[in-house]
Structure formats: C-alpha cells, structure tokens
Amino acid sequence: MEKPVLIGVVPEAIAIGPKDQVAWYSATGNLKIEFDPNRCPFSSNVYQAPPGVRLLSGTPRPGSKPGSYKYRIAIEDTVIARGEVILRES
C-alpha cells in the first residue's frame, strides 16, 4: 500500500479576504515566515514557531490594499520555499 508524503509548500499561493487569516505548520523544525517589512498585510512581518505549533497570521490590517504579498519560509533558518498571500477585496 502506498502512503503519500507531502514535501514543500501546499499551496504555494493562497487567496484570503479581509476577515480571513493564514495558518502555517511544520512538524519537523523551527518554522519562520518572513514578509517584506514594507509590504505586509498583517500586523507583523515575521512569524516564528517551534515544531508542532501552528502559526496564525491574524486578519489583515485595516486599510491593507488588495493584491499579492510574497513571503519566505524557513525551517531551522534555511529558506526552503517562497509563498504568496493574495488579499482579495471584501
């Protein structure tokens, strides 16, 4: 019997509305999510958590403009992927 293994970031891009939030999770290592400090829709541009702890972005800041916001994903301080949050209008 085959058992699927997910490697990487699923999905690479996610669309959210003004009342949604993003959740990230890593079971294998310290996780760090980092948005550009000058281009981030959330109250913080850096999120960190130890293995097994779910990170929540919180809802977008009021006044955040709809559009694409890219970020880096690192495990144990090694960038492993890049992701994208697409903020939709309400």
Protein backbone atom coordinates (compact mmCIF):
# COMPACT_ATOMS: atom_id res chain seq x y z
CA MET A 1 0.00 0.00 0.00
CA GLU A 2 1.28 3.48 -0.87
CA LYS A 3 1.37 6.30 1.68
CA PRO A 4 1.53 9.86 0.31
CA VAL A 5 4.26 12.22 1.50
CA LEU A 6 3.88 15.99 1.08
CA ILE A 7 7.11 17.89 0.53
CA GLY A 8 7.33 21.62 0.11
CA VAL A 9 4.57 24.19 0.43
CA VAL A 10 0.96 23.28 -0.23
CA PRO A 11 -0.48 25.51 -1.58
CA GLU A 12 2.19 27.90 -2.86
CA ALA A 13 -0.34 30.74 -3.05
CA ILE A 14 -3.50 31.31 -1.05
CA ALA A 15 -6.27 33.88 -1.52
CA ILE A 16 -7.85 35.38 1.57
CA GLY A 17 -10.46 38.02 2.33
CA PRO A 18 -10.29 40.83 4.89
CA LYS A 19 -11.68 38.60 7.69
CA ASP A 20 -9.56 35.51 6.93
CA GLN A 21 -6.19 34.51 8.28
CA VAL A 22 -3.41 32.18 7.16
CA ALA A 23 -2.14 29.18 9.16
CA TRP A 24 1.33 27.67 8.72
CA TYR A 25 2.61 24.47 10.32
CA SER A 26 5.82 22.46 10.45
CA ALA A 27 6.15 19.18 12.31
CA THR A 28 9.89 18.84 11.64
CA GLY A 29 11.70 22.00 12.63
CA ASN A 30 11.58 25.59 13.84
CA LEU A 31 9.44 27.50 11.36
CA LYS A 32 9.94 31.11 10.29
CA ILE A 33 7.67 33.05 7.93
CA GLU A 34 9.01 36.41 6.76
CA PHE A 35 7.24 39.04 4.65
CA ASP A 36 8.92 42.18 3.29
CA PRO A 37 8.63 44.70 6.18
CA ASN A 38 7.48 47.39 3.73
CA ARG A 39 4.92 45.17 2.04
CA CYS A 40 2.98 43.03 4.51
CA PRO A 41 -0.81 42.96 5.04
CA PHE A 42 -0.56 41.70 8.64
CA SER A 43 0.39 43.37 11.92
CA SER A 44 3.74 41.54 11.96
CA ASN A 45 6.02 40.71 9.05
CA VAL A 46 7.84 37.87 10.88
CA TYR A 47 6.26 34.79 12.46
CA GLN A 48 8.18 32.04 14.27
CA ALA A 49 7.20 28.79 15.99
CA PRO A 50 8.84 25.59 17.23
CA PRO A 51 7.98 22.24 15.62
CA GLY A 52 4.36 21.18 16.01
CA VAL A 53 2.98 24.65 16.76
CA ARG A 54 0.57 26.24 14.28
CA LEU A 55 1.30 29.85 13.30
CA LEU A 56 -1.67 32.14 12.64
CA SER A 57 -1.27 35.42 10.76
CA GLY A 58 -4.28 37.14 12.24
CA THR A 59 -6.62 39.04 9.95
CA PRO A 60 -5.16 41.64 7.57
CA ARG A 61 -4.60 45.11 8.99
CA PRO A 62 -7.44 47.55 8.28
CA GLY A 63 -6.55 49.54 5.18
CA SER A 64 -4.38 46.81 3.62
CA LYS A 65 -4.67 47.04 -0.13
CA PRO A 66 -5.87 44.05 -2.15
CA GLY A 67 -3.00 42.43 -4.02
CA SER A 68 -0.19 39.92 -3.84
CA TYR A 69 2.12 39.66 -0.82
CA LYS A 70 5.11 37.33 -1.07
CA TYR A 71 6.99 35.75 1.79
CA ARG A 72 9.87 33.36 2.59
CA ILE A 73 9.52 30.13 4.51
CA ALA A 74 12.48 28.88 6.53
CA ILE A 75 12.95 25.77 8.64
CA GLU A 76 15.88 25.83 11.04
CA ASP A 77 16.92 29.19 9.49
CA THR A 78 17.26 27.70 5.99
CA VAL A 79 14.91 29.15 3.38
CA ILE A 80 13.09 26.19 1.85
CA ALA A 81 10.38 27.89 -0.22
CA ARG A 82 8.55 31.05 -1.07
CA GLY A 83 4.84 31.60 -0.75
CA GLU A 84 2.25 34.17 -1.67
CA VAL A 85 -0.85 35.57 0.04
CA ILE A 86 -3.35 37.15 -2.32
CA LEU A 87 -5.57 39.60 -0.46
CA ARG A 88 -8.98 39.98 -2.10
CA GLU A 89 -11.40 42.83 -1.68
CA SER A 90 -14.29 42.17 0.68
